Each structure stands twice: as structure tokens, then as C-alpha cells.
Amino acid sequence: MTIPAYDNSWGQYLALAVADPGLADENRRGPGVRQRVQVAMPRIYNRVQEETTTEYLWIVEDDILPPVDTCERLLRSFDATTVSVSGVYQSRFHPGYVAWDQGGRIFTERGDGVQVIGGQGFGCVILRKSVLEKHVIHHGGRGDYDPTFYAELRGTRWRAKVDWGCEVGHGSTTESVHV
């Protein structure tokens, strides 16, 4: 079942049913769970890029709790070569943040200010639609969709950024599965 988009003067809200309810909260190390997530998530972001009518797309996943000034803070960090700016949040599935450096190494220590990085998860991110629409989001056989998206941008003028001063809460209906 697809819930229709809600549109008003300040923006648009799109809700989609792309997989079994609760899939994102399941233990991704469980049998078949990771693969089901890798199929479901690109469905969401490909549909969102088709529906978006503005240049900037703010994604806040359902288990993320951003501070009230997050959107404004993230937008301030855009310039002509910025494809995305993210708030920072801890991973539920590995030690460290859901952000990585140019070499693909996960940040385990908190940085300072706004930093150019290799990429980040889409948990709390503003993306430039004009770049996003030129890419089909997929896991590419390499794992999750978000590292694949940023890997495809390597060697281009586009840069991802994280605002280390903008920490967003990452809640869950299940216990953390850090190892």
C-alpha cells in the first residue's frame, strides 16, 4: 500500500510502503535481513527523487530526532560544489558514526565544525536534487546504497560534508546491535 504525498505551502511529505513494517529496525546480521534492506532502501530514494520538486531534499529517517535548527544549519554549509550536508549520528550496527572519510573508513571519533568527507548515511541529510536525479540509487553489489552513491561521485566536483556540531539523536524501537 502506498500512502499519497501530502503537499502544502512549506513542503512535501511522502510516505511509502516498500517492505515489511519494522524491517529497518531488525538486526541486519540476521538471515536475509541485510539483503531485504538493500533492496527496500533504493526503492525509497529513487521514488523520492522522482517526486521532489525543489533543489534541496531533506531526508530525516523515522528513527532520527534532529534539533529544531538542523535544517537551517545544514543549508548554511552548501556551496557550489556541495552535494550533501549531514547531521552526525552514531550507528546502531557498528561502533562509530554513519559517516566515512575519503578512503571509506568509518569515523569513530567526533570531528569539529563542518568537514568535507567521503560520504554519509541518509539518516539526516540534505541532498542536492539536481545531482541525485542523475543517479539511480542502488546497492551495486558493493553493500548499501549510500556508500555506492558517494563512490559514484568520486573524482567529480561534488563534495559531501558533515556538520559535527549538529548531532542528531538516533532512536530505535529495538535494542542496539553494536558488537
N, C-alpha and C. Protein backbone atom coordinates (compact mmCIF):
# COMPACT_ATOMS: atom_id res chain seq x y z
N MET A 1 0.83 -1.18 0.00
CA MET A 1 0.00 0.00 0.00
C MET A 1 0.88 1.24 0.00
N THR A 2 0.56 2.20 -0.81
CA THR A 2 1.27 3.46 -0.86
C THR A 2 0.37 4.55 -0.30
N ILE A 3 0.91 5.33 0.59
CA ILE A 3 0.18 6.47 1.14
C ILE A 3 0.51 7.67 0.26
N PRO A 4 -0.49 8.39 -0.24
CA PRO A 4 -0.21 9.51 -1.15
C PRO A 4 0.59 10.62 -0.48
N ALA A 5 1.27 11.38 -1.32
CA ALA A 5 2.07 12.50 -0.83
C ALA A 5 1.15 13.58 -0.26
N TYR A 6 1.62 14.22 0.81
CA TYR A 6 0.93 15.36 1.40
C TYR A 6 1.71 16.59 0.97
N ASP A 7 1.05 17.56 0.39
CA ASP A 7 1.73 18.74 -0.11
C ASP A 7 1.07 19.97 0.48
N ASN A 8 1.87 20.88 0.99
CA ASN A 8 1.35 22.17 1.44
C ASN A 8 2.36 23.25 1.10
N SER A 9 2.15 24.46 1.59
CA SER A 9 2.98 25.59 1.18
C SER A 9 4.43 25.50 1.63
N TRP A 10 4.75 24.73 2.67
CA TRP A 10 6.13 24.67 3.15
C TRP A 10 6.89 23.47 2.65
N GLY A 11 6.25 22.52 2.06
CA GLY A 11 6.99 21.38 1.57
C GLY A 11 6.09 20.22 1.26
N GLN A 12 6.71 19.08 1.17
CA GLN A 12 6.02 17.88 0.76
C GLN A 12 6.42 16.74 1.68
N TYR A 13 5.48 15.88 2.00
CA TYR A 13 5.75 14.71 2.83
C TYR A 13 5.32 13.50 2.02
N LEU A 14 6.21 12.54 1.89
CA LEU A 14 5.92 11.35 1.11
C LEU A 14 6.13 10.13 1.98
N ALA A 15 5.13 9.30 2.09
CA ALA A 15 5.24 8.05 2.85
C ALA A 15 5.01 6.89 1.89
N LEU A 16 5.89 5.90 1.94
CA LEU A 16 5.80 4.75 1.04
C LEU A 16 5.91 3.47 1.84
N ALA A 17 5.23 2.47 1.39
CA ALA A 17 5.39 1.12 1.95
C ALA A 17 6.22 0.34 0.94
N VAL A 18 7.49 0.12 1.24
CA VAL A 18 8.40 -0.53 0.29
C VAL A 18 8.88 -1.89 0.77
N ALA A 19 8.54 -2.24 2.00
CA ALA A 19 8.97 -3.51 2.58
C ALA A 19 8.09 -3.81 3.78
N ASP A 20 8.40 -4.90 4.45
CA ASP A 20 7.66 -5.26 5.65
C ASP A 20 7.86 -4.20 6.73
N PRO A 21 6.80 -3.79 7.44
CA PRO A 21 6.95 -2.82 8.53
C PRO A 21 7.97 -3.32 9.56
N GLY A 22 8.81 -2.41 10.03
CA GLY A 22 9.81 -2.75 11.04
C GLY A 22 11.11 -3.31 10.50
N LEU A 23 11.21 -3.48 9.19
CA LEU A 23 12.42 -4.07 8.60
C LEU A 23 13.68 -3.29 8.98
N ALA A 24 13.62 -1.97 8.95
CA ALA A 24 14.81 -1.15 9.23
C ALA A 24 15.32 -1.34 10.66
N ASP A 25 14.46 -1.76 11.58
CA ASP A 25 14.87 -1.96 12.96
C ASP A 25 15.36 -3.37 13.26
N GLU A 26 15.23 -4.27 12.30
CA GLU A 26 15.67 -5.65 12.53
C GLU A 26 17.19 -5.72 12.55
N ASN A 27 17.72 -6.76 13.15
CA ASN A 27 19.16 -6.98 13.20
C ASN A 27 19.65 -7.32 11.80
N ARG A 28 20.44 -6.43 11.23
CA ARG A 28 20.90 -6.61 9.85
C ARG A 28 21.89 -7.74 9.69
N ARG A 29 22.27 -8.35 10.78
CA ARG A 29 23.12 -9.54 10.70
C ARG A 29 22.28 -10.81 10.66
N GLY A 30 20.96 -10.65 10.79
CA GLY A 30 20.04 -11.79 10.74
C GLY A 30 19.93 -12.32 9.32
N PRO A 31 19.51 -13.57 9.18
CA PRO A 31 19.42 -14.20 7.86
C PRO A 31 18.51 -13.42 6.90
N GLY A 32 19.06 -12.95 5.82
CA GLY A 32 18.29 -12.27 4.78
C GLY A 32 17.89 -10.84 5.07
N VAL A 33 18.09 -10.37 6.29
CA VAL A 33 17.63 -9.02 6.65
C VAL A 33 18.40 -7.96 5.87
N ARG A 34 19.71 -8.04 5.90
CA ARG A 34 20.53 -7.04 5.20
C ARG A 34 20.16 -6.95 3.72
N GLN A 35 19.97 -8.09 3.08
CA GLN A 35 19.62 -8.09 1.66
C GLN A 35 18.25 -7.46 1.42
N ARG A 36 17.30 -7.71 2.31
CA ARG A 36 15.97 -7.10 2.16
C ARG A 36 16.04 -5.58 2.34
N VAL A 37 16.88 -5.12 3.26
CA VAL A 37 17.07 -3.68 3.46
C VAL A 37 17.74 -3.09 2.22
N GLN A 38 18.73 -3.78 1.67
CA GLN A 38 19.43 -3.27 0.49
C GLN A 38 18.53 -3.16 -0.73
N VAL A 39 17.47 -3.93 -0.78
CA VAL A 39 16.51 -3.84 -1.87
C VAL A 39 15.48 -2.74 -1.58
N ALA A 40 15.04 -2.62 -0.33
CA ALA A 40 13.99 -1.67 0.02
C ALA A 40 14.46 -0.21 -0.02
N MET A 41 15.62 0.08 0.50
CA MET A 41 16.05 1.47 0.62
C MET A 41 16.19 2.17 -0.73
N PRO A 42 16.80 1.55 -1.72
CA PRO A 42 16.84 2.24 -3.03
C PRO A 42 15.46 2.54 -3.59
N ARG A 43 14.48 1.69 -3.32
CA ARG A 43 13.11 1.97 -3.77
C ARG A 43 12.63 3.30 -3.21
N ILE A 44 12.93 3.52 -1.95
CA ILE A 44 12.51 4.76 -1.30
C ILE A 44 13.15 5.97 -1.98
N TYR A 45 14.48 5.96 -2.08
CA TYR A 45 15.19 7.15 -2.56
C TYR A 45 15.00 7.39 -4.04
N ASN A 46 14.83 6.36 -4.84
CA ASN A 46 14.53 6.57 -6.25
C ASN A 46 13.15 7.18 -6.43
N ARG A 47 12.19 6.77 -5.63
CA ARG A 47 10.85 7.35 -5.70
C ARG A 47 10.86 8.80 -5.21
N VAL A 48 11.57 9.04 -4.13
CA VAL A 48 11.66 10.39 -3.58
C VAL A 48 12.27 11.35 -4.61
N GLN A 49 13.33 10.92 -5.29
CA GLN A 49 13.93 11.83 -6.27
C GLN A 49 12.99 12.12 -7.44
N GLU A 50 12.11 11.18 -7.77
CA GLU A 50 11.12 11.42 -8.81
C GLU A 50 10.05 12.43 -8.36
N GLU A 51 9.69 12.39 -7.09
CA GLU A 51 8.61 13.21 -6.55
C GLU A 51 9.04 14.61 -6.12
N THR A 52 10.31 14.80 -5.85
CA THR A 52 10.80 16.06 -5.30
C THR A 52 10.74 17.16 -6.35
N THR A 53 10.25 18.33 -5.95
CA THR A 53 10.12 19.46 -6.87
C THR A 53 11.03 20.62 -6.50
N THR A 54 11.86 20.46 -5.49
CA THR A 54 12.77 21.52 -5.06
C THR A 54 14.21 21.08 -5.27
N GLU A 55 15.13 22.02 -5.25
CA GLU A 55 16.55 21.70 -5.44
C GLU A 55 17.15 20.97 -4.23
N TYR A 56 16.64 21.24 -3.06
CA TYR A 56 17.19 20.61 -1.86
C TYR A 56 16.17 19.65 -1.26
N LEU A 57 16.63 18.49 -0.93
CA LEU A 57 15.80 17.43 -0.39
C LEU A 57 16.34 17.08 1.00
N TRP A 58 15.53 17.28 2.03
CA TRP A 58 15.94 16.97 3.39
C TRP A 58 15.34 15.62 3.77
N ILE A 59 16.21 14.67 4.02
CA ILE A 59 15.77 13.34 4.43
C ILE A 59 16.01 13.19 5.93
N VAL A 60 14.96 12.84 6.65
CA VAL A 60 15.05 12.54 8.08
C VAL A 60 14.38 11.18 8.26
N GLU A 61 15.18 10.15 8.50
CA GLU A 61 14.60 8.82 8.67
C GLU A 61 13.77 8.76 9.94
N ASP A 62 12.88 7.79 9.99
CA ASP A 62 11.87 7.74 11.05
C ASP A 62 12.42 7.53 12.46
N ASP A 63 13.66 7.12 12.60
CA ASP A 63 14.23 6.93 13.94
C ASP A 63 15.26 8.00 14.29
N ILE A 64 15.27 9.10 13.56
CA ILE A 64 16.20 10.21 13.79
C ILE A 64 15.44 11.36 14.44
N LEU A 65 16.07 11.96 15.46
CA LEU A 65 15.47 13.09 16.18
C LEU A 65 16.41 14.30 16.06
N PRO A 66 16.20 15.15 15.04
CA PRO A 66 17.10 16.30 14.86
C PRO A 66 16.72 17.48 15.75
N PRO A 67 17.71 18.27 16.17
CA PRO A 67 17.40 19.53 16.87
C PRO A 67 16.59 20.44 15.95
N VAL A 68 15.86 21.38 16.53
CA VAL A 68 14.95 22.22 15.76
C VAL A 68 15.66 23.09 14.71
N ASP A 69 16.92 23.42 14.89
CA ASP A 69 17.63 24.29 13.94
C ASP A 69 18.43 23.50 12.89
N THR A 70 18.24 22.21 12.81
CA THR A 70 19.05 21.35 11.94
C THR A 70 18.97 21.74 10.47
N CYS A 71 17.79 21.91 9.94
CA CYS A 71 17.64 22.23 8.52
C CYS A 71 18.41 23.50 8.16
N GLU A 72 18.21 24.54 8.94
CA GLU A 72 18.89 25.81 8.69
C GLU A 72 20.40 25.65 8.76
N ARG A 73 20.88 24.94 9.76
CA ARG A 73 22.33 24.72 9.92
C ARG A 73 22.92 24.01 8.72
N LEU A 74 22.25 22.94 8.30
CA LEU A 74 22.77 22.15 7.18
C LEU A 74 22.76 22.96 5.88
N LEU A 75 21.69 23.71 5.63
CA LEU A 75 21.61 24.51 4.42
C LEU A 75 22.71 25.57 4.35
N ARG A 76 23.10 26.13 5.48
CA ARG A 76 24.17 27.15 5.51
C ARG A 76 25.50 26.62 4.99
N SER A 77 25.71 25.32 5.04
CA SER A 77 27.00 24.74 4.65
C SER A 77 27.09 24.39 3.17
N PHE A 78 26.04 24.65 2.41
CA PHE A 78 26.09 24.39 0.96
C PHE A 78 26.86 25.48 0.25
N ASP A 79 27.59 25.08 -0.77
CA ASP A 79 28.21 25.99 -1.72
C ASP A 79 28.09 25.36 -3.09
N ALA A 80 28.77 25.90 -4.09
CA ALA A 80 28.60 25.45 -5.47
C ALA A 80 29.05 24.01 -5.72
N THR A 81 29.87 23.43 -4.84
CA THR A 81 30.36 22.07 -5.06
C THR A 81 29.85 21.07 -4.03
N THR A 82 28.89 21.47 -3.22
CA THR A 82 28.38 20.59 -2.17
C THR A 82 27.18 19.81 -2.67
N VAL A 83 27.24 18.48 -2.57
CA VAL A 83 26.12 17.62 -2.96
C VAL A 83 25.24 17.30 -1.77
N SER A 84 25.84 17.26 -0.56
CA SER A 84 25.06 16.91 0.63
C SER A 84 25.73 17.42 1.89
N VAL A 85 24.89 17.69 2.88
CA VAL A 85 25.37 18.03 4.22
C VAL A 85 24.52 17.25 5.20
N SER A 86 25.19 16.62 6.16
CA SER A 86 24.50 15.75 7.10
C SER A 86 24.75 16.19 8.53
N GLY A 87 23.75 15.92 9.37
CA GLY A 87 23.99 15.95 10.80
C GLY A 87 24.74 14.66 11.14
N VAL A 88 25.28 14.59 12.32
CA VAL A 88 26.06 13.42 12.69
C VAL A 88 25.28 12.56 13.69
N TYR A 89 25.36 11.24 13.50
CA TYR A 89 24.70 10.32 14.41
C TYR A 89 25.46 9.01 14.48
N GLN A 90 25.36 8.38 15.63
CA GLN A 90 26.02 7.10 15.87
C GLN A 90 25.28 5.99 15.12
N SER A 91 26.03 5.01 14.68
CA SER A 91 25.42 3.84 14.05
C SER A 91 24.83 2.92 15.10
N ARG A 92 23.75 2.26 14.77
CA ARG A 92 23.20 1.21 15.62
C ARG A 92 23.84 -0.14 15.31
N PHE A 93 24.59 -0.23 14.22
CA PHE A 93 25.07 -1.51 13.74
C PHE A 93 26.58 -1.70 13.82
N HIS A 94 27.32 -0.65 14.11
CA HIS A 94 28.78 -0.76 14.28
C HIS A 94 29.25 0.40 15.14
N PRO A 95 30.39 0.25 15.79
CA PRO A 95 30.93 1.36 16.57
C PRO A 95 31.30 2.53 15.65
N GLY A 96 30.95 3.71 16.03
CA GLY A 96 31.29 4.88 15.24
C GLY A 96 30.06 5.55 14.66
N TYR A 97 30.34 6.51 13.80
CA TYR A 97 29.30 7.33 13.18
C TYR A 97 28.90 6.77 11.82
N VAL A 98 27.77 7.24 11.31
CA VAL A 98 27.34 6.85 9.98
C VAL A 98 27.87 7.92 9.01
N ALA A 99 29.18 7.96 8.93
CA ALA A 99 29.92 8.88 8.05
C ALA A 99 31.32 8.29 7.88
N TRP A 100 31.92 8.53 6.72
CA TRP A 100 33.22 7.94 6.44
C TRP A 100 34.09 8.94 5.69
N ASP A 101 35.40 8.71 5.76
CA ASP A 101 36.35 9.61 5.11
C ASP A 101 36.51 9.25 3.64
N GLN A 102 37.40 9.95 2.95
CA GLN A 102 37.59 9.74 1.51
C GLN A 102 38.05 8.32 1.18
N GLY A 103 38.69 7.66 2.14
CA GLY A 103 39.14 6.28 1.93
C GLY A 103 38.11 5.23 2.33
N GLY A 104 36.94 5.67 2.78
CA GLY A 104 35.88 4.75 3.15
C GLY A 104 35.93 4.28 4.60
N ARG A 105 36.84 4.83 5.39
CA ARG A 105 36.95 4.46 6.81
C ARG A 105 35.91 5.20 7.63
N ILE A 106 35.19 4.44 8.44
CA ILE A 106 34.16 4.99 9.32
C ILE A 106 34.81 5.90 10.36
N PHE A 107 34.19 7.06 10.62
CA PHE A 107 34.65 7.93 11.70
C PHE A 107 34.24 7.31 13.03
N THR A 108 35.21 7.06 13.89
CA THR A 108 34.91 6.57 15.23
C THR A 108 35.07 7.67 16.26
N GLU A 109 35.80 8.71 15.91
CA GLU A 109 35.99 9.87 16.78
C GLU A 109 35.24 11.05 16.18
N ARG A 110 34.69 11.85 17.05
CA ARG A 110 33.96 13.04 16.63
C ARG A 110 34.93 14.10 16.11
N GLY A 111 34.56 14.73 15.01
CA GLY A 111 35.36 15.82 14.45
C GLY A 111 34.87 17.16 14.95
N ASP A 112 35.32 18.24 14.28
CA ASP A 112 34.94 19.60 14.65
C ASP A 112 34.40 20.34 13.43
N GLY A 113 33.44 21.22 13.67
CA GLY A 113 32.93 22.09 12.62
C GLY A 113 32.29 21.34 11.47
N VAL A 114 32.37 21.96 10.30
CA VAL A 114 31.85 21.36 9.08
C VAL A 114 33.05 20.81 8.32
N GLN A 115 32.98 19.55 7.95
CA GLN A 115 34.12 18.86 7.33
C GLN A 115 33.69 18.19 6.03
N VAL A 116 34.56 18.29 5.00
CA VAL A 116 34.35 17.53 3.77
C VAL A 116 34.73 16.09 4.07
N ILE A 117 33.85 15.17 3.68
CA ILE A 117 34.05 13.75 3.98
C ILE A 117 33.82 12.92 2.72
N GLY A 118 33.99 11.61 2.83
CA GLY A 118 33.77 10.73 1.70
C GLY A 118 32.30 10.44 1.46
N GLY A 119 31.50 10.48 2.52
CA GLY A 119 30.07 10.21 2.39
C GLY A 119 29.45 9.97 3.75
N GLN A 120 28.13 9.82 3.75
CA GLN A 120 27.40 9.60 4.99
C GLN A 120 26.10 8.88 4.70
N GLY A 121 25.52 8.35 5.76
CA GLY A 121 24.21 7.74 5.63
C GLY A 121 23.16 8.79 5.35
N PHE A 122 22.01 8.34 4.92
CA PHE A 122 20.92 9.25 4.58
C PHE A 122 19.96 9.47 5.75
N GLY A 123 20.40 9.20 7.00
CA GLY A 123 19.53 9.33 8.16
C GLY A 123 19.05 10.73 8.42
N CYS A 124 19.93 11.72 8.26
CA CYS A 124 19.58 13.13 8.43
C CYS A 124 20.50 13.92 7.51
N VAL A 125 20.06 14.07 6.27
CA VAL A 125 20.92 14.67 5.25
C VAL A 125 20.08 15.55 4.33
N ILE A 126 20.71 16.64 3.87
CA ILE A 126 20.12 17.43 2.80
C ILE A 126 20.93 17.14 1.55
N LEU A 127 20.24 16.73 0.50
CA LEU A 127 20.86 16.37 -0.77
C LEU A 127 20.45 17.36 -1.85
N ARG A 128 21.36 17.58 -2.79
CA ARG A 128 21.07 18.42 -3.94
C ARG A 128 20.36 17.56 -4.99
N LYS A 129 19.11 17.90 -5.29
CA LYS A 129 18.30 17.08 -6.19
C LYS A 129 18.88 17.02 -7.59
N SER A 130 19.45 18.10 -8.09
CA SER A 130 19.96 18.12 -9.46
C SER A 130 21.08 17.09 -9.66
N VAL A 131 21.78 16.74 -8.60
CA VAL A 131 22.80 15.69 -8.68
C VAL A 131 22.15 14.33 -8.43
N LEU A 132 21.31 14.25 -7.43
CA LEU A 132 20.66 13.00 -7.08
C LEU A 132 19.88 12.42 -8.26
N GLU A 133 19.19 13.27 -9.01
CA GLU A 133 18.35 12.77 -10.10
C GLU A 133 19.16 12.20 -11.26
N LYS A 134 20.45 12.43 -11.28
CA LYS A 134 21.30 11.87 -12.34
C LYS A 134 21.82 10.48 -11.96
N HIS A 135 21.42 9.99 -10.79
CA HIS A 135 21.89 8.69 -10.31
C HIS A 135 20.72 7.81 -9.92
N VAL A 136 20.78 6.58 -10.34
CA VAL A 136 19.83 5.60 -9.84
C VAL A 136 20.45 5.05 -8.56
N ILE A 137 19.73 5.16 -7.46
CA ILE A 137 20.25 4.66 -6.19
C ILE A 137 20.13 3.14 -6.19
N HIS A 138 21.23 2.47 -5.93
CA HIS A 138 21.26 1.01 -5.91
C HIS A 138 22.38 0.56 -5.00
N HIS A 139 22.40 -0.71 -4.63
CA HIS A 139 23.49 -1.17 -3.77
C HIS A 139 24.67 -1.63 -4.59
N GLY A 140 24.53 -1.77 -5.86
CA GLY A 140 25.64 -2.01 -6.76
C GLY A 140 26.47 -3.24 -6.45
N GLY A 141 25.93 -4.18 -5.68
CA GLY A 141 26.68 -5.37 -5.34
C GLY A 141 27.80 -5.09 -4.35
N ARG A 142 27.91 -3.84 -3.91
CA ARG A 142 29.00 -3.42 -3.03
C ARG A 142 28.55 -3.26 -1.59
N GLY A 143 27.30 -3.48 -1.34
CA GLY A 143 26.79 -3.24 0.01
C GLY A 143 25.63 -2.27 -0.06
N ASP A 144 25.60 -1.34 0.86
CA ASP A 144 24.47 -0.43 0.98
C ASP A 144 24.48 0.64 -0.12
N TYR A 145 23.32 1.24 -0.32
CA TYR A 145 23.09 2.22 -1.37
C TYR A 145 23.85 3.53 -1.16
N ASP A 146 23.98 3.98 0.10
CA ASP A 146 24.59 5.29 0.33
C ASP A 146 26.09 5.29 0.02
N PRO A 147 26.89 4.27 0.43
CA PRO A 147 28.29 4.26 0.00
C PRO A 147 28.42 4.16 -1.52
N THR A 148 27.52 3.44 -2.16
CA THR A 148 27.57 3.32 -3.62
C THR A 148 27.32 4.67 -4.27
N PHE A 149 26.33 5.43 -3.77
CA PHE A 149 26.04 6.76 -4.31
C PHE A 149 27.28 7.66 -4.23
N TYR A 150 27.92 7.70 -3.06
CA TYR A 150 29.08 8.58 -2.90
C TYR A 150 30.29 8.06 -3.67
N ALA A 151 30.44 6.75 -3.81
CA ALA A 151 31.54 6.19 -4.60
C ALA A 151 31.42 6.63 -6.06
N GLU A 152 30.18 6.70 -6.55
CA GLU A 152 29.97 7.13 -7.94
C GLU A 152 30.30 8.61 -8.14
N LEU A 153 30.35 9.38 -7.07
CA LEU A 153 30.67 10.81 -7.17
C LEU A 153 32.17 11.09 -7.04
N ARG A 154 32.96 10.08 -6.63
CA ARG A 154 34.40 10.29 -6.51
C ARG A 154 34.98 10.72 -7.85
N GLY A 155 35.90 11.66 -7.77
CA GLY A 155 36.53 12.15 -8.99
C GLY A 155 35.73 13.23 -9.70
N THR A 156 34.57 13.59 -9.14
CA THR A 156 33.79 14.69 -9.70
C THR A 156 33.99 15.92 -8.81
N ARG A 157 33.34 16.99 -9.14
CA ARG A 157 33.48 18.21 -8.33
C ARG A 157 32.65 18.17 -7.05
N TRP A 158 31.77 17.18 -6.92
CA TRP A 158 30.82 17.15 -5.81
C TRP A 158 31.44 16.66 -4.52
N ARG A 159 31.11 17.35 -3.43
CA ARG A 159 31.65 17.05 -2.10
C ARG A 159 30.52 16.83 -1.10
N ALA A 160 30.71 15.85 -0.25
CA ALA A 160 29.80 15.60 0.88
C ALA A 160 30.40 16.28 2.11
N LYS A 161 29.55 16.77 2.98
CA LYS A 161 30.00 17.41 4.21
C LYS A 161 29.20 16.88 5.39
N VAL A 162 29.81 16.94 6.56
CA VAL A 162 29.13 16.64 7.80
C VAL A 162 29.32 17.83 8.74
N ASP A 163 28.28 18.17 9.47
CA ASP A 163 28.36 19.21 10.48
C ASP A 163 28.47 18.53 11.84
N TRP A 164 29.68 18.46 12.37
CA TRP A 164 29.93 17.76 13.63
C TRP A 164 29.25 18.44 14.81
N GLY A 165 28.89 19.70 14.67
CA GLY A 165 28.19 20.41 15.74
C GLY A 165 26.69 20.16 15.73
N CYS A 166 26.24 19.42 14.74
CA CYS A 166 24.81 19.15 14.60
C CYS A 166 24.57 17.65 14.86
N GLU A 167 24.58 17.29 16.14
CA GLU A 167 24.38 15.89 16.49
C GLU A 167 22.88 15.62 16.58
N VAL A 168 22.45 14.59 15.88
CA VAL A 168 21.04 14.22 15.88
C VAL A 168 20.88 12.92 16.64
N GLY A 169 19.77 12.79 17.34
CA GLY A 169 19.51 11.56 18.09
C GLY A 169 19.13 10.44 17.15
N HIS A 170 19.55 9.24 17.49
CA HIS A 170 19.22 8.06 16.68
C HIS A 170 18.51 7.08 17.59
N GLY A 171 17.21 7.11 17.56
CA GLY A 171 16.42 6.23 18.41
C GLY A 171 16.08 4.94 17.68
N SER A 172 15.48 4.03 18.40
CA SER A 172 15.08 2.78 17.82
C SER A 172 14.03 2.13 18.70
N THR A 173 13.22 1.29 18.11
CA THR A 173 12.25 0.53 18.89
C THR A 173 12.85 -0.77 19.38
N THR A 174 14.08 -1.03 18.96
CA THR A 174 14.75 -2.27 19.39
C THR A 174 16.07 -1.89 20.05
N GLU A 175 16.71 -2.86 20.68
CA GLU A 175 18.00 -2.61 21.30
C GLU A 175 19.07 -2.44 20.24
N SER A 176 20.13 -1.71 20.58
CA SER A 176 21.25 -1.56 19.71
C SER A 176 21.89 -2.91 19.43
N VAL A 177 22.45 -3.05 18.24
CA VAL A 177 23.09 -4.32 17.91
C VAL A 177 24.59 -4.12 17.68
N HIS A 178 25.19 -3.17 18.38
CA HIS A 178 26.65 -2.99 18.30
C HIS A 178 27.33 -4.28 18.73
N VAL A 179 28.48 -4.53 18.13
CA VAL A 179 29.29 -5.69 18.53
C VAL A 179 30.60 -5.22 19.12
